[in-house]
Protein backbone atom coordinates (compact mmCIF):
# COMPACT_ATOMS: atom_id res chain seq x y z
CA MET A 1 0.00 0.00 0.00
CA HIS A 2 1.63 3.26 -1.17
CA ILE A 3 -0.30 5.71 0.98
CA GLU A 4 2.32 8.45 0.69
CA SER A 5 1.16 9.19 -2.87
CA ASP A 6 -2.59 9.01 -2.07
CA SER A 7 -4.29 12.41 -2.28
CA ARG A 8 -7.45 11.43 -0.38
CA ILE A 9 -8.16 13.05 3.00
CA VAL A 10 -9.42 11.12 6.03
CA LEU A 11 -10.59 12.68 9.29
CA THR A 12 -9.14 11.02 12.40
CA LEU A 13 -9.65 11.03 16.15
CA ASP A 14 -7.53 10.04 19.15
CA ALA A 15 -10.21 9.25 21.73
CA GLY A 16 -9.15 9.28 25.37
CA GLY A 17 -11.17 9.14 28.55
CA THR A 18 -10.44 12.84 29.21
CA ASN A 19 -9.85 14.49 25.82
CA PHE A 20 -10.68 14.01 22.14
CA ARG A 21 -7.98 15.02 19.66
CA PHE A 22 -9.20 15.46 16.08
CA GLY A 23 -7.09 15.66 12.93
CA ALA A 24 -6.97 15.08 9.19
CA ILE A 25 -4.46 13.04 7.19
CA ARG A 26 -3.52 12.96 3.52
CA GLY A 27 -0.73 10.87 2.06
CA GLY A 28 -0.04 9.44 5.51
CA VAL A 29 0.74 12.80 7.16
CA PRO A 30 -1.36 15.34 9.13
CA ILE A 31 -2.44 18.32 7.02
CA VAL A 32 -4.34 20.62 9.41
CA GLU A 33 -3.98 21.99 12.90
CA GLY A 34 -5.59 19.55 15.30
CA VAL A 35 -8.60 20.23 17.51
CA HIS A 36 -8.79 19.26 21.18
CA LEU A 37 -12.12 19.00 23.01
CA PRO A 38 -13.10 17.44 26.34
CA SER A 39 -14.63 13.98 26.07
CA ASN A 40 -17.37 14.60 28.68
CA ALA A 41 -16.98 10.93 29.51
CA ASP A 42 -20.03 10.58 31.75
CA GLN A 43 -22.46 12.71 29.68
CA LEU A 44 -23.47 11.03 26.44
CA ASP A 45 -25.20 14.01 24.82
CA ALA A 46 -22.29 16.36 25.56
CA CYS A 47 -19.82 13.72 24.38
CA LEU A 48 -21.63 13.21 21.07
CA LYS A 49 -21.94 16.99 20.61
CA ASN A 50 -18.18 17.41 20.95
CA LEU A 51 -17.52 14.53 18.57
CA VAL A 52 -19.61 16.23 15.89
CA GLU A 53 -18.13 19.66 16.62
CA GLY A 54 -14.59 18.35 16.48
CA PHE A 55 -15.01 16.63 13.13
CA GLU A 56 -16.89 19.63 11.70
CA THR A 57 -14.09 22.01 12.75
CA VAL A 58 -11.38 19.83 11.24
CA ARG A 59 -13.38 19.26 8.06
CA ALA A 60 -13.69 23.04 7.61
CA ARG A 61 -9.89 23.34 7.75
CA CYS A 62 -9.31 20.74 5.02
CA PRO A 63 -8.31 21.99 1.55
CA GLU A 64 -10.63 19.41 -0.04
CA PRO A 65 -13.60 17.37 1.22
CA PRO A 66 -12.59 14.25 3.18
CA VAL A 67 -13.53 10.82 1.84
CA ALA A 68 -13.98 9.08 5.19
CA ILE A 69 -13.75 9.27 8.97
CA SER A 70 -11.54 6.67 10.65
CA PHE A 71 -10.48 6.46 14.29
CA ALA A 72 -9.78 4.33 17.33
CA PHE A 73 -12.33 4.06 20.12
CA PRO A 74 -12.27 2.03 23.34
CA GLY A 75 -14.12 -1.27 23.51
CA PRO A 76 -16.24 -3.24 23.94
CA CYS A 77 -17.56 -2.42 20.48
CA ASP A 78 -19.05 -4.01 17.44
CA TYR A 79 -16.40 -2.27 15.37
CA PRO A 80 -17.60 -3.26 11.88
CA ALA A 81 -21.10 -1.95 12.72
CA GLY A 82 -19.75 1.11 14.55
CA ILE A 83 -21.76 0.36 17.70
CA ILE A 84 -20.15 1.29 21.03
CA GLY A 85 -20.83 -0.90 24.06
CA ASP A 86 -20.51 -0.35 27.80
CA LEU A 87 -17.20 1.53 28.18
CA GLY A 88 -15.24 1.75 31.41
CA ASN A 89 -13.52 5.10 30.75
CA LEU A 90 -16.46 6.65 28.86
CA PRO A 91 -19.37 5.68 31.14
CA GLY A 92 -21.89 7.78 29.20
CA PHE A 93 -21.98 5.01 26.59
CA ARG A 94 -24.34 2.35 27.87
CA GLY A 95 -26.54 -0.22 26.19
CA GLY A 96 -25.12 0.14 22.68
CA VAL A 97 -24.66 3.50 20.97
CA PRO A 98 -24.46 3.43 17.13
CA LEU A 99 -21.73 6.07 16.89
CA GLY A 100 -20.55 5.09 13.42
CA PRO A 101 -24.02 5.28 11.81
CA MET A 102 -24.66 8.58 13.59
CA LEU A 103 -21.48 10.19 12.21
CA GLN A 104 -22.06 8.70 8.77
CA ALA A 105 -25.56 10.19 8.65
CA ARG A 106 -24.24 13.56 9.81
CA PHE A 107 -21.24 13.84 7.47
CA GLY A 108 -22.37 11.73 4.50
CA ILE A 109 -19.10 9.77 4.23
CA PRO A 110 -18.06 6.27 5.40
CA VAL A 111 -17.04 5.92 9.05
CA PHE A 112 -14.59 3.27 10.26
CA ILE A 113 -13.96 2.56 13.96
CA ASN A 114 -11.36 0.17 15.37
CA ASN A 115 -9.50 -0.67 18.55
CA ASP A 116 -6.39 1.41 19.26
CA GLY A 117 -4.20 -1.69 19.65
CA ASP A 118 -5.33 -2.88 16.23
CA LEU A 119 -4.67 0.45 14.54
CA PHE A 120 -1.30 0.85 16.30
CA THR A 121 -0.19 -2.49 14.90
CA TYR A 122 -1.56 -1.68 11.45
CA GLY A 123 0.29 1.62 11.39
CA GLU A 124 3.55 -0.12 12.31
CA ALA A 125 2.89 -2.72 9.61
CA ILE A 126 2.31 -0.02 6.99
CA GLY A 127 5.06 2.46 7.80
CA GLY A 128 6.85 1.40 10.98
CA LEU A 129 8.74 -1.59 12.33
CA LEU A 130 7.66 -4.16 9.72
CA PRO A 131 8.89 -2.35 6.60
CA HIS A 132 11.95 -1.14 8.54
CA ILE A 133 13.08 -4.68 9.36
CA ASN A 134 12.27 -5.99 5.88
CA ALA A 135 14.40 -3.20 4.40
CA LEU A 136 17.28 -4.19 6.68
CA LEU A 137 16.90 -7.84 5.65
CA GLU A 138 17.00 -6.87 1.99
CA LYS A 139 20.09 -4.74 2.54
CA ALA A 140 21.77 -7.63 4.33
CA GLY A 141 21.11 -9.92 1.35
CA SER A 142 18.77 -12.17 3.32
CA PRO A 143 15.95 -14.02 1.52
CA LYS A 144 13.82 -13.69 4.66
CA ARG A 145 10.82 -11.33 4.63
CA TYR A 146 8.07 -10.82 7.21
CA ARG A 147 4.39 -10.29 6.40
CA ASN A 148 2.82 -10.70 9.84
CA LEU A 149 3.01 -8.40 12.84
CA PHE A 150 1.73 -8.67 16.40
CA GLY A 151 1.64 -5.47 18.44
CA ILE A 152 1.19 -4.78 22.14
CA THR A 153 0.73 -1.48 23.91
CA LEU A 154 1.99 -1.13 27.47
CA GLY A 155 0.22 1.85 28.95
CA THR A 156 -2.87 2.43 31.08
CA GLY A 157 -3.73 -1.13 30.07
CA LEU A 158 -2.34 -3.92 27.92
CA GLY A 159 -3.59 -3.79 24.33
CA GLY A 160 -2.88 -5.90 21.28
CA GLY A 161 -3.34 -6.15 17.53
CA ILE A 162 -2.71 -8.55 14.66
CA VAL A 163 -1.83 -7.78 11.06
CA ARG A 164 -1.75 -10.82 8.82
CA ASP A 165 -0.28 -10.53 5.35
CA GLY A 166 -1.04 -6.83 5.13
CA ARG A 167 -4.58 -6.97 6.50
CA LEU A 168 -5.91 -6.16 9.94
CA PHE A 169 -7.35 -9.18 11.74
CA ILE A 170 -10.15 -8.25 14.17
CA GLY A 171 -11.92 -11.59 14.64
CA ASP A 172 -15.60 -12.56 14.45
CA ASN A 173 -16.59 -10.61 17.59
CA SER A 174 -14.23 -7.65 17.14
CA VAL A 175 -12.09 -8.87 20.05
CA ALA A 176 -9.12 -10.58 18.40
CA ALA A 177 -5.78 -9.91 20.16
CA GLU A 178 -7.39 -8.79 23.44
CA VAL A 179 -4.28 -10.01 25.23
CA TRP A 180 -5.12 -8.16 28.44
CA THR A 181 -7.28 -11.18 29.29
CA LEU A 182 -4.46 -13.72 28.96
CA ARG A 183 -3.28 -15.30 32.20
CA HIS A 184 -0.78 -13.50 34.42
CA LYS A 185 2.26 -15.79 34.50
CA LEU A 186 3.33 -14.95 38.07
CA GLU A 187 -0.19 -14.64 39.53
CA PRO A 188 -2.31 -17.16 37.58
CA GLN A 189 -5.51 -16.18 39.35
CA THR A 190 -5.59 -12.83 37.52
CA ASN A 191 -4.99 -11.45 34.04
CA ALA A 192 -1.78 -10.37 32.31
CA GLU A 193 -2.71 -6.67 32.21
CA GLU A 194 -2.30 -6.48 35.98
CA GLY A 195 1.37 -7.36 35.51
CA ALA A 196 2.14 -5.42 32.33
CA CYS A 197 0.95 -1.80 32.42
CA ILE A 198 1.67 1.51 34.13
CA ARG A 199 0.04 0.56 37.42
CA ALA A 200 1.89 -2.79 37.40
CA VAL A 201 5.28 -1.05 37.34
CA ARG A 202 4.22 1.25 40.18
CA ARG A 203 2.72 -1.63 42.16
CA ALA A 204 5.87 -3.74 41.85
CA TYR A 205 8.10 -0.86 42.92
CA ALA A 206 5.82 0.00 45.84
CA LYS A 207 5.82 -3.59 47.06
CA ALA A 208 9.61 -3.91 46.81
CA THR A 209 10.23 -0.64 48.66
CA GLY A 210 7.48 -0.97 51.26
CA THR A 211 5.77 2.25 50.18
CA SER A 212 2.15 2.88 49.37
CA PHE A 213 0.96 2.81 45.77
CA GLU A 214 -0.17 6.43 46.06
CA GLU A 215 3.36 7.52 47.03
CA THR A 216 5.00 5.61 44.18
CA PRO A 217 6.25 7.63 41.18
CA GLU A 218 5.27 7.11 37.55
CA PRO A 219 7.17 4.55 35.43
CA ARG A 220 9.30 7.22 33.72
CA VAL A 221 10.66 8.23 37.14
CA ILE A 222 11.15 4.59 38.18
CA PHE A 223 13.09 4.12 34.92
CA ASP A 224 15.31 7.07 35.86
CA ILE A 225 15.84 5.49 39.27
CA ALA A 226 16.86 2.21 37.61
CA ASN A 227 19.42 4.13 35.56
CA GLY A 228 20.76 5.99 38.57
CA ALA A 229 19.62 9.35 37.22
CA VAL A 230 17.18 9.92 40.11
CA GLU A 231 17.58 8.98 43.75
CA GLY A 232 15.70 5.86 44.79
CA ASP A 233 15.93 2.09 45.19
CA VAL A 234 17.83 1.01 42.08
CA ALA A 235 17.40 -2.72 42.67
CA ALA A 236 13.63 -2.37 43.21
CA ALA A 237 13.27 -0.22 40.09
CA LYS A 238 15.14 -2.72 37.94
CA ALA A 239 13.13 -5.61 39.38
CA ALA A 240 9.85 -3.81 38.65
CA PHE A 241 10.65 -3.52 34.95
CA GLU A 242 12.08 -7.04 34.74
CA SER A 243 8.78 -8.30 36.17
CA ILE A 244 6.68 -6.66 33.44
CA GLY A 245 9.23 -7.91 30.90
CA GLU A 246 8.70 -11.47 32.07
CA ILE A 247 4.89 -11.19 32.09
CA ALA A 248 4.65 -9.36 28.75
CA GLY A 249 7.22 -11.79 27.34
CA ASP A 250 4.94 -14.66 28.29
CA VAL A 251 2.09 -12.90 26.46
CA LEU A 252 4.22 -12.34 23.35
CA ALA A 253 5.49 -15.91 23.38
CA THR A 254 1.90 -17.15 23.29
CA ALA A 255 0.85 -14.66 20.62
CA LEU A 256 3.85 -15.15 18.32
CA THR A 257 3.55 -18.92 18.58
CA LEU A 258 0.16 -18.43 16.92
CA THR A 259 0.96 -15.61 14.48
CA ASP A 260 4.63 -16.45 13.67
CA GLY A 261 5.83 -12.97 12.77
CA LEU A 262 7.48 -9.91 14.26
CA GLY A 263 6.41 -8.22 17.48
CA VAL A 264 6.24 -4.47 18.08
CA ILE A 265 5.79 -2.63 21.38
CA GLY A 266 4.19 0.78 21.96
CA GLY A 267 2.39 2.61 24.73
CA GLY A 268 3.48 4.88 27.56
CA VAL A 269 5.85 2.35 29.14
CA SER A 270 7.63 1.51 25.87
CA GLY A 271 10.16 4.31 26.33
CA ALA A 272 11.63 2.28 29.21
CA TRP A 273 12.39 -0.65 26.87
CA PRO A 274 16.07 -0.97 27.92
CA ALA A 275 14.83 -1.97 31.38
CA PHE A 276 12.31 -4.63 30.31
CA LEU A 277 13.03 -5.83 26.76
CA PRO A 278 15.96 -8.13 27.71
CA ALA A 279 13.76 -9.88 30.30
CA MET A 280 11.00 -10.16 27.72
CA ILE A 281 13.25 -11.89 25.20
CA GLN A 282 14.67 -14.13 27.92
CA GLU A 283 11.16 -15.28 28.79
CA MET A 284 10.31 -15.91 25.13
CA ASN A 285 13.42 -18.06 24.76
CA SER A 286 12.80 -19.98 27.98
CA ASP A 287 12.17 -23.73 28.14
CA PHE A 288 9.31 -26.00 29.01
CA ILE A 289 10.02 -29.21 30.91
CA SER A 290 8.55 -32.51 29.74
CA PRO A 291 7.14 -35.09 32.22
CA SER A 292 10.42 -37.01 31.84
CA GLY A 293 12.39 -33.93 32.88
CA GLN A 294 13.67 -33.02 29.43
CA ALA A 295 13.86 -29.35 28.53
CA PHE A 296 12.51 -28.13 25.19
CA ARG A 297 11.97 -24.68 23.68
CA ARG A 298 8.97 -22.60 24.79
CA MET A 299 8.61 -21.31 21.21
CA PRO A 300 9.37 -23.14 17.96
CA SER A 301 11.26 -20.04 16.75
CA LEU A 302 14.17 -18.23 18.38
CA ALA A 303 13.29 -14.73 19.61
CA PHE A 304 15.62 -11.77 19.05
CA ASN A 305 15.81 -8.32 20.61
CA LEU A 306 15.75 -6.06 17.55
CA GLU A 307 16.98 -3.10 19.63
CA ASP A 308 20.20 -4.91 20.57
CA PRO A 309 22.82 -4.33 17.81
CA ASP A 310 24.44 -7.75 18.23
CA GLN A 311 21.14 -9.63 18.26
CA LEU A 312 19.87 -7.58 15.31
CA ALA A 313 23.00 -8.45 13.31
CA THR A 314 22.49 -12.18 13.99
CA PHE A 315 18.79 -11.87 13.15
CA LEU A 316 19.53 -10.18 9.81
CA LYS A 317 22.31 -12.59 8.86
CA GLY A 318 20.40 -15.76 9.69
CA GLU A 319 21.98 -18.99 8.51
CA SER A 320 21.57 -18.53 4.77
CA LYS A 321 23.35 -21.05 2.59
CA GLU A 322 23.04 -22.50 -0.89
CA VAL A 323 21.75 -26.06 -1.16
CA ALA A 324 21.85 -28.26 -4.25
CA VAL A 325 18.64 -29.15 -6.09
CA PRO A 326 18.74 -32.97 -6.46
CA GLY A 327 19.19 -34.22 -10.02
CA THR A 328 20.24 -30.78 -11.34
CA ASP A 329 23.29 -28.52 -11.32
CA GLN A 330 21.23 -25.76 -9.69
CA THR A 331 21.31 -24.42 -6.14
CA VAL A 332 18.78 -22.47 -4.09
CA LEU A 333 19.23 -20.16 -1.11
CA TYR A 334 18.05 -21.66 2.17
CA ASP A 335 17.83 -20.06 5.61
CA PRO A 336 17.04 -22.73 8.21
CA LEU A 337 17.02 -20.35 11.21
CA GLN A 338 13.39 -20.03 12.31
CA ARG A 339 13.25 -16.70 14.10
CA VAL A 340 11.00 -13.91 15.29
CA GLY A 341 12.03 -10.49 16.50
CA VAL A 342 10.62 -7.91 18.89
CA GLY A 343 11.26 -4.18 18.57
CA ILE A 344 9.94 -0.82 19.68
CA SER A 345 7.57 1.36 17.67
CA ARG A 346 9.32 3.24 14.89
CA LEU A 347 6.50 5.79 14.54
CA GLY A 348 5.39 6.53 18.08
CA THR A 349 2.15 5.10 19.42
CA SER A 350 -0.22 7.97 18.58
CA GLU A 351 1.34 8.45 15.15
CA ALA A 352 1.03 4.74 14.40
CA VAL A 353 -2.63 4.72 15.45
CA ALA A 354 -3.37 7.69 13.18
CA LEU A 355 -1.53 6.14 10.24
CA GLY A 356 -3.31 2.85 10.85
CA ALA A 357 -6.68 4.60 10.87
CA TYR A 358 -5.85 6.37 7.60
CA ALA A 359 -4.58 3.25 5.87
CA TYR A 360 -7.52 1.15 7.09
CA ALA A 361 -10.02 3.64 5.66
CA LEU A 362 -8.30 3.65 2.26
CA GLN A 363 -8.11 -0.13 2.22
CA GLN A 364 -11.83 -0.42 2.98
CA LEU A 365 -12.74 2.19 0.36
CA ASP A 366 -10.69 0.36 -2.26
């Protein structure tokens, strides 16, 4: 998909529990000054009024009429139908609100709504980590190319998304890749999100230092503590990030065993990747133990940290060799190293979501 040369305009929205941020994209880049309005999370009429006002304001700033509206919105939703369910951070939505049909009737253009984890992954598949790694493989002379991407967002919660062979996979109930409901490896009675998000980092640090959760700093400060840049318990800070690395690594190991592609990480905690990504890869490359006591690989493929220069070099090189075609004098290139890699967003989470929303709208229109 060559979106950079596409002249069509799509209106977008970054929908948070506190604020709505509206924009417009053409050729994969923003083209107007954005509009910020409060979400009025607990007042449905006021919320819908601001949604309409925001899109109308942005549309008026566009040099040409937009062809679609496309944005991420929290779930649960029937995304293909554009119907919003009972939202936790936007409590005004209750009982099923047909937001997509409402906006389509108001603006007279198609409206596409998706999950932010899905659109983040799609954006990274279109213009982020996936094409970046494939370009590096081509430059290295490797025959290997990747077509599938699994994304997770480590932020207020734990989100996920799947892109398979260039297309977004949302499932039959619009809840594919909802990895926040996978089991927490270290506390099996609860879900993985409770061990891999902003509050999980704070909770782990609070427990290790004997302080209350309310007194515990945000993950960016805990990351500075781990690096020695800010005063605090260095060992506890490092352990807090290693814990989420292990739990999120368990999630990615399960997901990539099913999707067999690259993994990309975004969200508010992703900037602290040096503190958790090594533990994540270690977990992905860990072993299971058979009933007879024999160890065997957790994943069929070897996992690589794509942010580590040495691991990236090994990943790109692979084990390519020429093998003879029986009965002929010909040879073919063969790379027997089955491998997956995990890296950090190349676009930034919000930028990837916006690009994913734009690309999804164009794909649906075409």
